[in-house]
C-alpha atoms as a PDB file:
ATOM      1  CA  MET A   1       0.057  -0.013   0.097  1.00  0.00           C
ATOM      2  CA  GLY A   2       1.230   3.269  -1.015  1.00  0.00           C
ATOM      3  CA  LEU A   3       0.775   6.632   0.675  1.00  0.00           C
ATOM      4  CA  PHE A   4      -2.009   7.604  -1.594  1.00  0.00           C
ATOM      5  CA  ASP A   5      -3.773   4.436  -0.657  1.00  0.00           C
ATOM      6  CA  ASP A   6      -3.177   4.657   3.025  1.00  0.00           C
ATOM      7  CA  TYR A   7      -4.339   8.404   3.095  1.00  0.00           C
ATOM      8  CA  HIS A   8      -7.251   8.193   0.583  1.00  0.00           C
ATOM      9  CA  PRO A   9      -9.326  11.461   0.808  1.00  0.00           C
ATOM     10  CA  LEU A  10     -12.393   9.670   1.686  1.00  0.00           C
ATOM     11  CA  LYS A  11     -10.836   7.766   4.683  1.00  0.00           C
ATOM     12  CA  GLY A  12     -10.854  11.156   6.604  1.00  0.00           C
ATOM     13  CA  LYS A  13      -7.255  11.062   7.602  1.00  0.00           C
ATOM     14  CA  MET A  14      -4.888  13.868   7.056  1.00  0.00           C
ATOM     15  CA  PHE A  15      -1.308  12.951   6.502  1.00  0.00           C
ATOM     16  CA  GLN A  16       0.777  14.273   9.385  1.00  0.00           C
ATOM     17  CA  MET A  17       4.384  13.382  10.435  1.00  0.00           C
ATOM     18  CA  LEU A  18       5.470  16.127  12.893  1.00  0.00           C
ATOM     19  CA  LYS A  19       3.317  16.993  15.842  1.00  0.00           C
ATOM     20  CA  PRO A  20       3.049  20.700  16.883  1.00  0.00           C
ATOM     21  CA  ASP A  21       5.473  20.058  19.801  1.00  0.00           C
ATOM     22  CA  GLY A  22       8.167  18.955  17.437  1.00  0.00           C
ATOM     23  CA  THR A  23       8.081  15.430  17.996  1.00  0.00           C
ATOM     24  CA  LEU A  24       7.332  12.722  15.354  1.00  0.00           C
ATOM     25  CA  TYR A  25       4.165  10.634  15.366  1.00  0.00           C
ATOM     26  CA  SER A  26       4.687   6.944  16.353  1.00  0.00           C
ATOM     27  CA  GLU A  27       6.583   4.839  13.936  1.00  0.00           C
ATOM     28  CA  MET A  28       7.410   7.888  11.724  1.00  0.00           C
ATOM     29  CA  GLU A  29      10.879   8.705  10.459  1.00  0.00           C
ATOM     30  CA  ALA A  30      11.915  12.079   9.296  1.00  0.00           C
ATOM     31  CA  PRO A  31      12.426  12.243   5.452  1.00  0.00           C
ATOM     32  CA  LEU A  32      15.247  14.540   5.809  1.00  0.00           C
ATOM     33  CA  ASN A  33      18.608  14.178   7.694  1.00  0.00           C
ATOM     34  CA  ASP A  34      19.466  16.622  10.239  1.00  0.00           C
ATOM     35  CA  GLN A  35      21.502  18.911   8.091  1.00  0.00           C
ATOM     36  CA  GLU A  36      18.943  19.171   5.334  1.00  0.00           C
ATOM     37  CA  THR A  37      16.335  20.033   8.035  1.00  0.00           C
ATOM     38  CA  LEU A  38      18.522  22.611   9.565  1.00  0.00           C
ATOM     39  CA  GLN A  39      19.277  24.122   6.057  1.00  0.00           C
ATOM     40  CA  LEU A  40      15.341  24.216   5.277  1.00  0.00           C
ATOM     41  CA  TYR A  41      14.727  25.856   8.625  1.00  0.00           C
ATOM     42  CA  GLN A  42      17.209  28.641   7.862  1.00  0.00           C
ATOM     43  CA  ARG A  43      15.667  29.032   4.510  1.00  0.00           C
ATOM     44  CA  MET A  44      12.240  29.380   6.131  1.00  0.00           C
ATOM     45  CA  VAL A  45      13.641  31.989   8.601  1.00  0.00           C
ATOM     46  CA  PHE A  46      15.050  33.956   5.576  1.00  0.00           C
ATOM     47  CA  ILE A  47      11.701  33.710   3.852  1.00  0.00           C
ATOM     48  CA  ARG A  48       9.781  34.903   6.717  1.00  0.00           C
ATOM     49  CA  LEU A  49      12.033  37.967   7.293  1.00  0.00           C
ATOM     50  CA  ALA A  50      11.972  38.672   3.521  1.00  0.00           C
ATOM     51  CA  ASP A  51       8.289  38.652   3.646  1.00  0.00           C
ATOM     52  CA  GLN A  52       7.988  40.838   6.607  1.00  0.00           C
ATOM     53  CA  LYS A  53      10.373  43.321   5.027  1.00  0.00           C
ATOM     54  CA  ALA A  54       8.123  43.359   1.855  1.00  0.00           C
ATOM     55  CA  LEU A  55       5.262  44.150   4.128  1.00  0.00           C
ATOM     56  CA  MET A  56       6.996  47.052   5.854  1.00  0.00           C
ATOM     57  CA  LEU A  57       8.122  48.469   2.394  1.00  0.00           C
ATOM     58  CA  GLN A  58       4.513  48.552   1.176  1.00  0.00           C
ATOM     59  CA  ARG A  59       3.341  50.218   4.343  1.00  0.00           C
ATOM     60  CA  GLN A  60       6.066  52.832   3.766  1.00  0.00           C
ATOM     61  CA  GLY A  61       5.022  53.447   0.297  1.00  0.00           C
ATOM     62  CA  ARG A  62       8.329  51.991  -1.211  1.00  0.00           C
ATOM     63  CA  MET A  63       6.512  48.857  -2.779  1.00  0.00           C
ATOM     64  CA  GLY A  64       3.216  48.201  -4.327  1.00  0.00           C
ATOM     65  CA  THR A  65       0.283  45.986  -3.227  1.00  0.00           C
ATOM     66  CA  TYR A  66       1.957  42.753  -1.709  1.00  0.00           C
ATOM     67  CA  ALA A  67       0.514  39.294  -0.946  1.00  0.00           C
ATOM     68  CA  PRO A  68       2.386  37.806   2.102  1.00  0.00           C
ATOM     69  CA  VAL A  69       3.338  34.171   2.537  1.00  0.00           C
ATOM     70  CA  TRP A  70       3.320  34.349   6.366  1.00  0.00           C
ATOM     71  CA  GLY A  71       2.209  31.028   7.755  1.00  0.00           C
ATOM     72  CA  GLN A  72       2.483  29.095   4.582  1.00  0.00           C
ATOM     73  CA  GLU A  73       6.331  28.480   4.422  1.00  0.00           C
ATOM     74  CA  ALA A  74       6.241  24.598   4.983  1.00  0.00           C
ATOM     75  CA  CYS A  75       3.830  24.177   2.021  1.00  0.00           C
ATOM     76  CA  GLN A  76       6.157  25.887  -0.307  1.00  0.00           C
ATOM     77  CA  VAL A  77       9.608  24.972   0.952  1.00  0.00           C
ATOM     78  CA  GLY A  78       8.693  21.301   1.512  1.00  0.00           C
ATOM     79  CA  SER A  79       7.250  20.886  -1.928  1.00  0.00           C
ATOM     80  CA  ALA A  80       9.828  23.040  -3.995  1.00  0.00           C
ATOM     81  CA  TYR A  81      12.755  21.420  -2.536  1.00  0.00           C
ATOM     82  CA  LEU A  82      12.007  18.370  -4.408  1.00  0.00           C
ATOM     83  CA  LEU A  83      12.069  19.756  -7.937  1.00  0.00           C
ATOM     84  CA  GLN A  84      14.779  19.317 -10.251  1.00  0.00           C
ATOM     85  CA  LYS A  85      16.360  21.620 -13.144  1.00  0.00           C
ATOM     86  CA  GLY A  86      14.000  21.101 -15.953  1.00  0.00           C
ATOM     87  CA  ASP A  87      10.688  21.044 -13.979  1.00  0.00           C
ATOM     88  CA  TRP A  88       8.164  23.752 -14.516  1.00  0.00           C
ATOM     89  CA  VAL A  89       6.732  25.975 -11.649  1.00  0.00           C
ATOM     90  CA  PHE A  90       3.610  27.826 -12.225  1.00  0.00           C
ATOM     91  CA  PRO A  91       3.010  30.120  -9.216  1.00  0.00           C
ATOM     92  CA  ALA A  92      -0.081  32.307  -8.266  1.00  0.00           C
ATOM     93  CA  PHE A  93       0.757  35.369  -6.393  1.00  0.00           C
ATOM     94  CA  ARG A  94       1.646  34.327  -2.801  1.00  0.00           C
ATOM     95  CA  GLU A  95       4.656  32.210  -3.869  1.00  0.00           C
ATOM     96  CA  LEU A  96       7.631  34.091  -2.479  1.00  0.00           C
ATOM     97  CA  ALA A  97       9.089  30.975  -0.834  1.00  0.00           C
ATOM     98  CA  VAL A  98       8.615  28.700  -3.874  1.00  0.00           C
ATOM     99  CA  SER A  99      10.277  31.301  -6.107  1.00  0.00           C
ATOM    100  CA  LEU A 100      13.439  31.708  -3.770  1.00  0.00           C
ATOM    101  CA  MET A 101      13.602  27.937  -3.452  1.00  0.00           C
ATOM    102  CA  MET A 102      13.884  27.704  -7.252  1.00  0.00           C
ATOM    103  CA  GLY A 103      16.518  30.266  -7.381  1.00  0.00           C
ATOM    104  CA  ILE A 104      14.656  33.356  -8.445  1.00  0.00           C
ATOM    105  CA  PRO A 105      16.694  36.248  -6.824  1.00  0.00           C
ATOM    106  CA  LEU A 106      15.044  38.233  -4.092  1.00  0.00           C
ATOM    107  CA  LYS A 107      15.834  41.517  -6.041  1.00  0.00           C
ATOM    108  CA  THR A 108      13.819  40.266  -8.843  1.00  0.00           C
ATOM    109  CA  ILE A 109      10.898  39.494  -6.557  1.00  0.00           C
ATOM    110  CA  TYR A 110      10.980  42.774  -4.871  1.00  0.00           C
ATOM    111  CA  LEU A 111      11.233  44.479  -8.285  1.00  0.00           C
ATOM    112  CA  TYR A 112       8.179  42.822  -9.426  1.00  0.00           C
ATOM    113  CA  TRP A 113       6.139  44.125  -6.444  1.00  0.00           C
ATOM    114  CA  MET A 114       7.797  47.545  -6.933  1.00  0.00           C
ATOM    115  CA  GLY A 115       6.071  47.659 -10.393  1.00  0.00           C
ATOM    116  CA  ASN A 116       9.155  47.078 -12.317  1.00  0.00           C
ATOM    117  CA  GLU A 117       8.609  44.755 -15.279  1.00  0.00           C
ATOM    118  CA  GLU A 118      12.117  43.289 -14.744  1.00  0.00           C
ATOM    119  CA  GLY A 119      10.597  41.525 -11.815  1.00  0.00           C
ATOM    120  CA  SER A 120       8.954  39.104 -14.199  1.00  0.00           C
ATOM    121  CA  ARG A 121      11.970  37.908 -15.963  1.00  0.00           C
ATOM    122  CA  ALA A 122      13.328  34.660 -14.781  1.00  0.00           C
ATOM    123  CA  PRO A 123      17.116  34.064 -15.060  1.00  0.00           C
ATOM    124  CA  GLU A 124      17.889  31.919 -18.234  1.00  0.00           C
ATOM    125  CA  GLY A 125      17.120  28.258 -17.785  1.00  0.00           C
ATOM    126  CA  MET A 126      14.777  28.794 -14.744  1.00  0.00           C
ATOM    127  CA  ASN A 127      11.423  27.397 -15.753  1.00  0.00           C
ATOM    128  CA  VAL A 128       9.376  29.517 -13.040  1.00  0.00           C
ATOM    129  CA  MET A 129       6.533  31.317 -14.765  1.00  0.00           C
ATOM    130  CA  PRO A 130       5.701  35.048 -14.029  1.00  0.00           C
ATOM    131  CA  VAL A 131       3.202  35.712 -11.080  1.00  0.00           C
ATOM    132  CA  SER A 132      -0.344  34.974 -11.990  1.00  0.00           C
ATOM    133  CA  ILE A 133      -2.827  37.513 -10.530  1.00  0.00           C
ATOM    134  CA  PRO A 134      -6.013  36.033 -12.142  1.00  0.00           C
ATOM    135  CA  VAL A 135      -7.171  33.436  -9.639  1.00  0.00           C
ATOM    136  CA  GLY A 136      -7.050  29.864 -10.839  1.00  0.00           C
ATOM    137  CA  THR A 137      -6.115  30.469 -14.640  1.00  0.00           C
ATOM    138  CA  HIS A 138      -2.527  29.089 -14.445  1.00  0.00           C
ATOM    139  CA  PRO A 139      -3.118  25.326 -13.654  1.00  0.00           C
ATOM    140  CA  LEU A 140      -4.408  25.118 -17.278  1.00  0.00           C
ATOM    141  CA  HIS A 141      -0.856  26.239 -18.591  1.00  0.00           C
ATOM    142  CA  ALA A 142       0.871  23.881 -16.216  1.00  0.00           C
ATOM    143  CA  VAL A 143      -1.133  21.057 -17.935  1.00  0.00           C
ATOM    144  CA  GLY A 144      -0.327  22.218 -21.344  1.00  0.00           C
ATOM    145  CA  VAL A 145       3.322  22.238 -20.723  1.00  0.00           C
ATOM    146  CA  ALA A 146       3.155  18.787 -18.900  1.00  0.00           C
ATOM    147  CA  TRP A 147       1.134  17.460 -21.947  1.00  0.00           C
ATOM    148  CA  ALA A 148       3.664  18.732 -24.432  1.00  0.00           C
ATOM    149  CA  ALA A 149       6.592  17.362 -22.301  1.00  0.00           C
ATOM    150  CA  LYS A 150       4.843  13.973 -22.379  1.00  0.00           C
ATOM    151  CA  ILE A 151       4.530  13.972 -26.010  1.00  0.00           C
ATOM    152  CA  ARG A 152       8.074  14.779 -26.496  1.00  0.00           C
ATOM    153  CA  GLY A 153       9.211  12.176 -24.035  1.00  0.00           C
ATOM    154  CA  ASP A 154      10.813  14.638 -21.630  1.00  0.00           C
ATOM    155  CA  LYS A 155      10.883  13.347 -17.942  1.00  0.00           C
ATOM    156  CA  ILE A 156       9.644  16.328 -16.330  1.00  0.00           C
ATOM    157  CA  VAL A 157       7.355  17.472 -13.665  1.00  0.00           C
ATOM    158  CA  THR A 158       4.990  20.623 -13.595  1.00  0.00           C
ATOM    159  CA  ILE A 159       3.543  21.979 -10.339  1.00  0.00           C
ATOM    160  CA  ALA A 160       0.824  24.701 -10.182  1.00  0.00           C
ATOM    161  CA  TYR A 161       0.341  26.537  -6.758  1.00  0.00           C
ATOM    162  CA  PHE A 162      -2.950  27.904  -5.829  1.00  0.00           C
ATOM    163  CA  GLY A 163      -5.316  28.641  -2.938  1.00  0.00           C
ATOM    164  CA  ASP A 164      -8.650  27.110  -1.859  1.00  0.00           C
ATOM    165  CA  GLY A 165     -10.485  30.034  -3.629  1.00  0.00           C
ATOM    166  CA  ALA A 166      -9.040  28.719  -7.130  1.00  0.00           C
ATOM    167  CA  THR A 167     -10.958  25.366  -6.758  1.00  0.00           C
ATOM    168  CA  SER A 168     -14.112  27.388  -7.232  1.00  0.00           C
ATOM    169  CA  LYS A 169     -13.000  28.467 -10.775  1.00  0.00           C
ATOM    170  CA  GLY A 170     -13.928  26.645 -13.860  1.00  0.00           C
ATOM    171  CA  ASP A 171     -10.204  26.904 -15.061  1.00  0.00           C
ATOM    172  CA  PHE A 172      -9.206  24.493 -12.127  1.00  0.00           C
ATOM    173  CA  HIS A 173     -11.585  21.947 -13.057  1.00  0.00           C
ATOM    174  CA  GLU A 174     -10.703  22.154 -16.774  1.00  0.00           C
ATOM    175  CA  ALA A 175      -7.108  21.664 -15.933  1.00  0.00           C
ATOM    176  CA  MET A 176      -7.816  18.682 -13.570  1.00  0.00           C
ATOM    177  CA  ASN A 177      -9.953  17.090 -16.420  1.00  0.00           C
ATOM    178  CA  LEU A 178      -7.283  17.271 -18.969  1.00  0.00           C
ATOM    179  CA  ALA A 179      -4.625  16.126 -16.664  1.00  0.00           C
ATOM    180  CA  GLY A 180      -6.681  13.228 -15.703  1.00  0.00           C
ATOM    181  CA  VAL A 181      -7.505  12.226 -19.223  1.00  0.00           C
ATOM    182  CA  PHE A 182      -4.015  12.432 -20.660  1.00  0.00           C
ATOM    183  CA  LYS A 183      -2.210  11.326 -17.436  1.00  0.00           C
ATOM    184  CA  THR A 184      -0.080  14.404 -17.485  1.00  0.00           C
ATOM    185  CA  PRO A 185       3.110  14.638 -15.084  1.00  0.00           C
ATOM    186  CA  SER A 186       1.277  17.430 -13.243  1.00  0.00           C
ATOM    187  CA  ILE A 187       1.015  18.329  -9.619  1.00  0.00           C
ATOM    188  CA  PHE A 188      -1.764  20.598  -8.266  1.00  0.00           C
ATOM    189  CA  PHE A 189      -0.585  22.023  -4.964  1.00  0.00           C
ATOM    190  CA  CYS A 190      -3.532  23.740  -3.219  1.00  0.00           C
ATOM    191  CA  GLN A 191      -2.623  25.711  -0.186  1.00  0.00           C
ATOM    192  CA  ASN A 192      -5.746  25.790   1.783  1.00  0.00           C
ATOM    193  CA  ASN A 193      -5.297  28.731   4.072  1.00  0.00           C
ATOM    194  CA  GLN A 194      -8.846  28.758   5.282  1.00  0.00           C
ATOM    195  CA  PHE A 195      -9.898  31.899   3.196  1.00  0.00           C
ATOM    196  CA  ALA A 196     -10.365  32.990  -0.305  1.00  0.00           C
ATOM    197  CA  ILE A 197      -9.728  36.755   0.409  1.00  0.00           C
ATOM    198  CA  SER A 198     -12.777  37.008   2.933  1.00  0.00           C
ATOM    199  CA  VAL A 199     -14.775  33.913   2.009  1.00  0.00           C
ATOM    200  CA  PRO A 200     -14.093  31.043   4.640  1.00  0.00           C
ATOM    201  CA  ARG A 201     -13.464  27.513   3.496  1.00  0.00           C
ATOM    202  CA  LYS A 202     -16.625  26.243   4.795  1.00  0.00           C
ATOM    203  CA  ILE A 203     -18.618  28.323   2.354  1.00  0.00           C
ATOM    204  CA  GLN A 204     -16.140  27.852  -0.522  1.00  0.00           C
ATOM    205  CA  THR A 205     -17.030  24.153  -1.204  1.00  0.00           C
ATOM    206  CA  ALA A 206     -19.449  21.469   0.216  1.00  0.00           C
ATOM    207  CA  SER A 207     -17.012  18.664  -0.176  1.00  0.00           C
ATOM    208  CA  GLU A 208     -15.389  17.506   3.087  1.00  0.00           C
ATOM    209  CA  THR A 209     -11.973  17.918   1.724  1.00  0.00           C
ATOM    210  CA  ILE A 210     -10.413  19.596  -1.280  1.00  0.00           C
ATOM    211  CA  ALA A 211      -8.223  16.587  -1.852  1.00  0.00           C
ATOM    212  CA  GLN A 212     -11.218  14.389  -2.644  1.00  0.00           C
ATOM    213  CA  LYS A 213     -12.045  16.408  -5.784  1.00  0.00           C
ATOM    214  CA  ALA A 214      -9.176  14.495  -7.491  1.00  0.00           C
ATOM    215  CA  MET A 215     -11.480  11.388  -7.580  1.00  0.00           C
ATOM    216  CA  ALA A 216     -13.758  13.047  -9.967  1.00  0.00           C
ATOM    217  CA  TYR A 217     -10.932  13.403 -12.469  1.00  0.00           C
ATOM    218  CA  GLY A 218      -9.301   9.890 -12.206  1.00  0.00           C
ATOM    219  CA  MET A 219      -6.100  10.990 -10.220  1.00  0.00           C
ATOM    220  CA  ASP A 220      -4.802  10.632  -6.807  1.00  0.00           C
ATOM    221  CA  GLY A 221      -5.451  13.160  -4.089  1.00  0.00           C
ATOM    222  CA  ILE A 222      -4.084  13.601  -0.658  1.00  0.00           C
ATOM    223  CA  GLN A 223      -4.684  16.114   2.200  1.00  0.00           C
ATOM    224  CA  VAL A 224      -1.682  16.809   4.300  1.00  0.00           C
ATOM    225  CA  ASP A 225      -0.900  19.143   7.190  1.00  0.00           C
ATOM    226  CA  GLY A 226       0.486  22.069   5.355  1.00  0.00           C
ATOM    227  CA  ASN A 227       2.401  23.417   8.339  1.00  0.00           C
ATOM    228  CA  ASP A 228       4.250  20.030   8.781  1.00  0.00           C
ATOM    229  CA  LEU A 229       7.511  20.171   6.587  1.00  0.00           C
ATOM    230  CA  PHE A 230       8.061  16.575   6.767  1.00  0.00           C
ATOM    231  CA  ALA A 231       4.651  15.587   5.742  1.00  0.00           C
ATOM    232  CA  VAL A 232       4.515  18.080   2.765  1.00  0.00           C
ATOM    233  CA  HIS A 233       7.896  16.831   1.650  1.00  0.00           C
ATOM    234  CA  THR A 234       6.878  13.154   1.860  1.00  0.00           C
ATOM    235  CA  ALA A 235       3.644  13.595  -0.155  1.00  0.00           C
ATOM    236  CA  THR A 236       5.132  15.713  -2.676  1.00  0.00           C
ATOM    237  CA  LYS A 237       8.030  13.174  -3.305  1.00  0.00           C
ATOM    238  CA  GLU A 238       5.461  10.416  -3.829  1.00  0.00           C
ATOM    239  CA  ALA A 239       3.551  12.768  -6.400  1.00  0.00           C
ATOM    240  CA  VAL A 240       6.888  13.922  -8.215  1.00  0.00           C
ATOM    241  CA  ASP A 241       8.114  10.185  -8.448  1.00  0.00           C
ATOM    242  CA  LYS A 242       4.906   9.138  -9.756  1.00  0.00           C
ATOM    243  CA  ALA A 243       4.574  11.828 -12.430  1.00  0.00           C
ATOM    244  CA  ARG A 244       8.112  11.379 -13.546  1.00  0.00           C
ATOM    245  CA  SER A 245       7.577   7.674 -13.998  1.00  0.00           C
ATOM    246  CA  GLY A 246       4.542   8.177 -16.179  1.00  0.00           C
ATOM    247  CA  GLY A 247       1.917   7.617 -13.271  1.00  0.00           C
ATOM    248  CA  GLY A 248      -0.051  10.790 -14.107  1.00  0.00           C
ATOM    249  CA  ALA A 249      -1.310  13.689 -12.055  1.00  0.00           C
ATOM    250  CA  THR A 250      -1.798  14.325  -8.282  1.00  0.00           C
ATOM    251  CA  LEU A 251      -3.717  16.902  -6.262  1.00  0.00           C
ATOM    252  CA  ILE A 252      -2.228  17.710  -2.994  1.00  0.00           C
ATOM    253  CA  GLU A 253      -4.296  19.731  -0.478  1.00  0.00           C
ATOM    254  CA  GLY A 254      -1.956  21.446   2.045  1.00  0.00           C
ATOM    255  CA  VAL A 255      -4.221  22.562   5.221  1.00  0.00           C
ATOM    256  CA  THR A 256      -2.417  25.636   6.382  1.00  0.00           C
ATOM    257  CA  TYR A 257      -3.263  29.252   7.767  1.00  0.00           C
ATOM    258  CA  ARG A 258      -2.713  32.652   6.419  1.00  0.00           C
ATOM    259  CA  PHE A 259      -1.378  34.731   9.351  1.00  0.00           C
ATOM    260  CA  GLY A 260      -1.411  38.059   7.356  1.00  0.00           C
ATOM    261  CA  PRO A 261      -3.943  39.845   5.059  1.00  0.00           C
ATOM    262  CA  HIS A 262      -4.859  38.254   1.799  1.00  0.00           C
ATOM    263  CA  THR A 263      -2.721  41.284   0.432  1.00  0.00           C
ATOM    264  CA  THR A 264      -1.782  44.710   1.793  1.00  0.00           C
ATOM    265  CA  ALA A 265      -5.210  46.041   0.292  1.00  0.00           C
ATOM    266  CA  ASP A 266      -6.958  43.605   2.462  1.00  0.00           C
ATOM    267  CA  ASP A 267      -8.284  44.049   6.220  1.00  0.00           C
ATOM    268  CA  PRO A 268      -8.639  40.609   7.578  1.00  0.00           C
ATOM    269  CA  THR A 269     -10.183  41.986  10.853  1.00  0.00           C
ATOM    270  CA  LYS A 270     -13.435  42.327   8.893  1.00  0.00           C
ATOM    271  CA  TYR A 271     -13.936  38.907   8.582  1.00  0.00           C
ATOM    272  CA  ARG A 272     -11.912  36.876  11.307  1.00  0.00           C
ATOM    273  CA  THR A 273     -11.229  37.198  14.916  1.00  0.00           C
ATOM    274  CA  ASP A 274      -8.093  37.455  17.225  1.00  0.00           C
ATOM    275  CA  GLU A 275      -9.192  34.352  18.836  1.00  0.00           C
ATOM    276  CA  GLU A 276      -9.016  32.385  15.670  1.00  0.00           C
ATOM    277  CA  ILE A 277      -5.573  33.616  14.765  1.00  0.00           C
ATOM    278  CA  GLU A 278      -4.297  32.696  18.277  1.00  0.00           C
ATOM    279  CA  ARG A 279      -5.611  29.094  17.918  1.00  0.00           C
ATOM    280  CA  TRP A 280      -3.498  28.746  14.850  1.00  0.00           C
ATOM    281  CA  LYS A 281      -0.188  30.194  16.293  1.00  0.00           C
ATOM    282  CA  PRO A 282       0.904  27.064  17.936  1.00  0.00           C
ATOM    283  CA  LEU A 283       0.625  25.434  14.578  1.00  0.00           C
ATOM    284  CA  ASP A 284       3.143  27.762  12.986  1.00  0.00           C
ATOM    285  CA  PRO A 285       5.488  25.814  10.615  1.00  0.00           C
ATOM    286  CA  LEU A 286       8.581  27.620  11.846  1.00  0.00           C
ATOM    287  CA  VAL A 287       7.647  26.979  15.650  1.00  0.00           C
ATOM    288  CA  ARG A 288       7.120  23.214  14.890  1.00  0.00           C
ATOM    289  CA  LEU A 289      10.367  22.736  13.124  1.00  0.00           C
ATOM    290  CA  ARG A 290      12.393  24.796  15.556  1.00  0.00           C
ATOM    291  CA  LEU A 291      10.993  22.547  18.375  1.00  0.00           C
ATOM    292  CA  TYR A 292      12.006  19.473  16.377  1.00  0.00           C
ATOM    293  CA  LEU A 293      15.601  20.815  15.973  1.00  0.00           C
ATOM    294  CA  LYS A 294      15.780  21.884  19.569  1.00  0.00           C
ATOM    295  CA  GLY A 295      15.041  18.311  20.651  1.00  0.00           C
ATOM    296  CA  LYS A 296      17.930  17.116  18.318  1.00  0.00           C
ATOM    297  CA  GLY A 297      20.351  19.722  19.915  1.00  0.00           C
ATOM    298  CA  LEU A 298      20.636  21.687  16.600  1.00  0.00           C
ATOM    299  CA  TRP A 299      18.789  24.860  17.580  1.00  0.00           C
ATOM    300  CA  SER A 300      19.390  27.487  20.292  1.00  0.00           C
ATOM    301  CA  ASP A 301      18.743  31.092  20.801  1.00  0.00           C
ATOM    302  CA  GLU A 302      22.238  31.822  19.527  1.00  0.00           C
ATOM    303  CA  VAL A 303      21.720  29.848  16.373  1.00  0.00           C
ATOM    304  CA  GLU A 304      18.518  31.634  15.887  1.00  0.00           C
ATOM    305  CA  LYS A 305      20.241  35.131  16.453  1.00  0.00           C
ATOM    306  CA  GLN A 306      22.842  34.409  13.983  1.00  0.00           C
ATOM    307  CA  MET A 307      20.425  33.185  11.332  1.00  0.00           C
ATOM    308  CA  THR A 308      18.277  36.117  11.637  1.00  0.00           C
ATOM    309  CA  GLU A 309      21.151  38.778  11.574  1.00  0.00           C
ATOM    310  CA  GLU A 310      22.691  37.086   8.610  1.00  0.00           C
ATOM    311  CA  ALA A 311      19.289  36.949   6.748  1.00  0.00           C
ATOM    312  CA  GLN A 312      18.477  40.457   7.748  1.00  0.00           C
ATOM    313  CA  LYS A 313      21.766  41.758   6.613  1.00  0.00           C
ATOM    314  CA  GLU A 314      21.387  40.117   3.090  1.00  0.00           C
ATOM    315  CA  ILE A 315      17.674  41.441   2.794  1.00  0.00           C
ATOM    316  CA  ASP A 316      18.678  45.104   3.630  1.00  0.00           C
ATOM    317  CA  GLN A 317      21.297  44.839   0.845  1.00  0.00           C
ATOM    318  CA  VAL A 318      18.910  43.472  -1.640  1.00  0.00           C
ATOM    319  CA  VAL A 319      16.503  46.288  -0.745  1.00  0.00           C
ATOM    320  CA  LYS A 320      19.154  48.869  -1.561  1.00  0.00           C
ATOM    321  CA  GLU A 321      19.938  47.284  -4.837  1.00  0.00           C
ATOM    322  CA  ALA A 322      16.280  46.963  -5.922  1.00  0.00           C
ATOM    323  CA  GLU A 323      15.526  50.626  -5.009  1.00  0.00           C
ATOM    324  CA  ALA A 324      18.522  51.846  -7.072  1.00  0.00           C
ATOM    325  CA  VAL A 325      17.379  50.168 -10.354  1.00  0.00           C
ATOM    326  CA  PRO A 326      16.105  52.807 -12.538  1.00  0.00           C
ATOM    327  CA  VAL A 327      12.363  53.135 -13.162  1.00  0.00           C
ATOM    328  CA  PRO A 328      11.578  51.804 -16.535  1.00  0.00           C
ATOM    329  CA  GLU A 329      10.550  54.425 -19.341  1.00  0.00           C
ATOM    330  CA  VAL A 330       6.928  54.560 -20.139  1.00  0.00           C
ATOM    331  CA  GLU A 331       7.611  53.784 -23.719  1.00  0.00           C
ATOM    332  CA  ASP A 332       8.733  50.250 -22.588  1.00  0.00           C
ATOM    333  CA  ILE A 333       5.066  49.392 -21.976  1.00  0.00           C
ATOM    334  CA  PHE A 334       4.494  49.645 -25.757  1.00  0.00           C
ATOM    335  CA  LYS A 335       7.884  48.952 -27.308  1.00  0.00           C
ATOM    336  CA  TYR A 336       8.347  45.367 -26.373  1.00  0.00           C
ATOM    337  CA  VAL A 337       5.047  43.991 -27.507  1.00  0.00           C
ATOM    338  CA  TYR A 338       6.096  43.424 -31.030  1.00  0.00           C
ATOM    339  CA  ALA A 339       9.509  43.478 -32.836  1.00  0.00           C
ATOM    340  CA  GLU A 340       8.195  46.559 -34.534  1.00  0.00           C
ATOM    341  CA  MET A 341       5.494  48.867 -32.978  1.00  0.00           C
ATOM    342  CA  THR A 342       2.114  48.961 -34.743  1.00  0.00           C
ATOM    343  CA  PRO A 343       0.494  52.188 -35.753  1.00  0.00           C
ATOM    344  CA  GLN A 344      -2.150  51.753 -33.052  1.00  0.00           C
ATOM    345  CA  LEU A 345       0.505  51.193 -30.475  1.00  0.00           C
ATOM    346  CA  LYS A 346       2.331  54.305 -31.371  1.00  0.00           C
ATOM    347  CA  GLU A 347      -0.797  56.222 -31.091  1.00  0.00           C
ATOM    348  CA  GLN A 348      -1.760  54.802 -27.811  1.00  0.00           C
ATOM    349  CA  MET A 349       1.875  55.551 -26.547  1.00  0.00           C
ATOM    350  CA  GLU A 350       1.818  59.212 -27.781  1.00  0.00           C
ATOM    351  CA  TYR A 351      -1.470  59.776 -26.153  1.00  0.00           C
ATOM    352  CA  LEU A 352      -0.325  58.203 -22.831  1.00  0.00           C
ATOM    353  CA  LYS A 353       2.688  60.419 -22.861  1.00  0.00           C
ATOM    354  CA  SER A 354       0.701  63.560 -23.457  1.00  0.00           C
ATOM    355  CA  THR A 355      -1.509  62.794 -20.343  1.00  0.00           C
ATOM    356  CA  LEU A 356       1.369  62.378 -17.976  1.00  0.00           C
END
């Protein structure tokens, strides 16, 4: 029996490995060695500090609207860590951690949120698609690339990240249907953070889990504790290995919680209480992993202090570099659409310039 059989969506069992107190559930073994776990914890510390810095920059008017990842780090780090060169990532708009894990420079990410088009340019050979602001449209692109790879015989995997709200969109169901029919090497990773902006999970769908939606499309589905780095890693590894060997697609539902606002344009106090947030705080993915490492003798206040200081120094330098990048010329909006500008584009450009 494999993981997807043992934790079938209709069995009502969420896959978990690491308890909130930092100990493993009975008969479970950590899928990562101590050094790997410590390294990933350090990455999560960096990601959280970079995320907080972005929030501060937006509040200071130095960055545009931003979607924080605070609370969802384990979902993204645990899954992206398994991907290989050649695999394709299709992010939504909250995938700071995924992008950093795949090698996108933090400077590039900050430039995007600062409104600089250079922030949408991935380094050469890095298959990370640009941020997808429309909710739930990008899984279709992920399936298309996966289908093309299958036809070509390329042993790659595509993974699309999205929130629970995206599962209410027709695009999500069309993508799932195509992936099921053509057995594409696709992974659908739903970060169920309990809210689609202000719409709570309980009125987002009537199904008991999001993972069980996989059954309708003839693929495996699994619900995992999205704040448990080990569980996310293990479930994603099984999905990646299956996809790469021709076994088809998988839907993973990572149950997590968004501690911050949907975006900096959102006021979460309008639709959730402080008491609710407090209930989730002990389940924080960084707290859980920190307790695990402490139990192994690998974490201390001094280790945390050093990690934090090193990360903060790097982040502050990145901010300086990003803010020093010249603001693109307004003409660039029009000039790079075609090799040669059309008369209509020229007219539009001149009109915009005349109004500035």
